[in-house]
Amino acid sequence: MIKFQVQALPISWIHENQHLLEKSAKLKATYAVSVADTWIAACAILEDAVLVHKNPEFSILDCSQLELPFKNTGNN
C-alpha cells in the first residue's frame, strides 16, 4: 500500500548536469554548508521550488524555503 502512495506523489527525478554542478559549487564556495546539502539546495533553486526542510544548516541560504518545526518527542 505504501508503495502505491509513494508512486502517486508528484515526484520528478533530477539528474546531475553542468548547471546543477555549477550552482552547487557556487553555494559551497559561498556558504558553510555540506556538499550534499548544496546539491539539494541547488536543485530547489534551479527548479524554482521551495526548499522544505528541518535542517538549520539551510537557513543561511538565499532561496525560497519552508523550515518545518522539530517534533517534540518528550526526550529533550
Protein backbone atom coordinates (compact mmCIF):
# COMPACT_ATOMS: atom_id res chain seq x y z
CA MET A 1 0.00 0.00 0.00
CA ILE A 2 2.76 2.45 0.88
CA LYS A 3 4.46 1.74 -2.45
CA PHE A 4 1.35 2.91 -4.31
CA GLN A 5 1.03 6.01 -2.14
CA VAL A 6 4.64 6.95 -2.85
CA GLN A 7 4.20 6.32 -6.57
CA ALA A 8 1.16 8.64 -6.55
CA LEU A 9 3.23 11.60 -5.28
CA PRO A 10 4.12 14.30 -7.81
CA ILE A 11 7.85 13.47 -7.83
CA SER A 12 10.20 14.16 -10.70
CA TRP A 13 13.78 12.92 -10.88
CA ILE A 14 16.51 15.49 -11.32
CA HIS A 15 19.73 14.16 -12.80
CA GLU A 16 23.13 15.73 -12.49
CA ASN A 17 24.08 18.23 -15.15
CA GLN A 18 26.52 21.09 -15.68
CA HIS A 19 24.14 23.80 -14.39
CA LEU A 20 23.45 21.84 -11.22
CA LEU A 21 27.15 21.21 -10.65
CA GLU A 22 28.00 24.89 -11.10
CA LYS A 23 25.19 26.10 -8.83
CA SER A 24 26.14 23.60 -6.14
CA ALA A 25 29.80 24.63 -6.36
CA LYS A 26 28.87 28.33 -6.02
CA LEU A 27 26.78 27.57 -2.95
CA LYS A 28 29.58 25.51 -1.40
CA ALA A 29 32.10 28.29 -2.05
CA THR A 30 29.78 30.91 -0.54
CA TYR A 31 28.19 29.20 2.46
CA ALA A 32 29.34 26.85 5.22
CA VAL A 33 27.04 24.05 4.09
CA SER A 34 27.77 20.39 3.38
CA VAL A 35 28.29 19.24 -0.19
CA ALA A 36 25.17 17.06 -0.08
CA ASP A 37 23.08 19.98 1.14
CA THR A 38 24.40 22.26 -1.61
CA TRP A 39 23.21 19.73 -4.22
CA ILE A 40 19.76 19.66 -2.59
CA ALA A 41 19.59 23.45 -2.42
CA ALA A 42 20.87 23.82 -5.99
CA CYS A 43 18.09 21.52 -7.20
CA ALA A 44 15.47 23.63 -5.42
CA ILE A 45 16.92 26.87 -6.75
CA LEU A 46 17.25 25.71 -10.36
CA GLU A 47 13.76 24.19 -10.33
CA ASP A 48 12.36 27.39 -8.79
CA ALA A 49 10.98 25.25 -5.98
CA VAL A 50 10.50 25.81 -2.26
CA LEU A 51 13.09 24.01 -0.17
CA VAL A 52 11.10 22.25 2.58
CA HIS A 53 13.33 21.06 5.42
CA LYS A 54 14.08 20.65 9.12
CA ASN A 55 17.80 21.29 8.67
CA PRO A 56 19.02 24.50 10.33
CA GLU A 57 22.05 24.42 8.00
CA PHE A 58 19.80 25.53 5.12
CA SER A 59 18.57 28.68 6.87
CA ILE A 60 21.62 30.71 5.77
CA LEU A 61 20.95 30.05 2.08
CA ASP A 62 19.34 32.69 -0.09
CA CYS A 63 16.49 30.66 -1.58
CA SER A 64 12.79 30.14 -1.13
CA GLN A 65 12.33 27.79 1.80
CA LEU A 66 9.93 26.48 4.38
CA GLU A 67 11.55 25.35 7.61
CA LEU A 68 9.46 22.73 9.36
CA PRO A 69 9.38 22.62 13.16
CA PHE A 70 11.08 19.83 15.03
CA LYS A 71 8.69 17.36 16.60
CA ASN A 72 8.82 17.41 20.41
CA THR A 73 9.28 13.76 21.33
CA GLY A 74 9.46 14.35 25.06
CA ASN A 75 13.03 13.07 25.14
CA ASN A 76 14.51 16.57 25.41
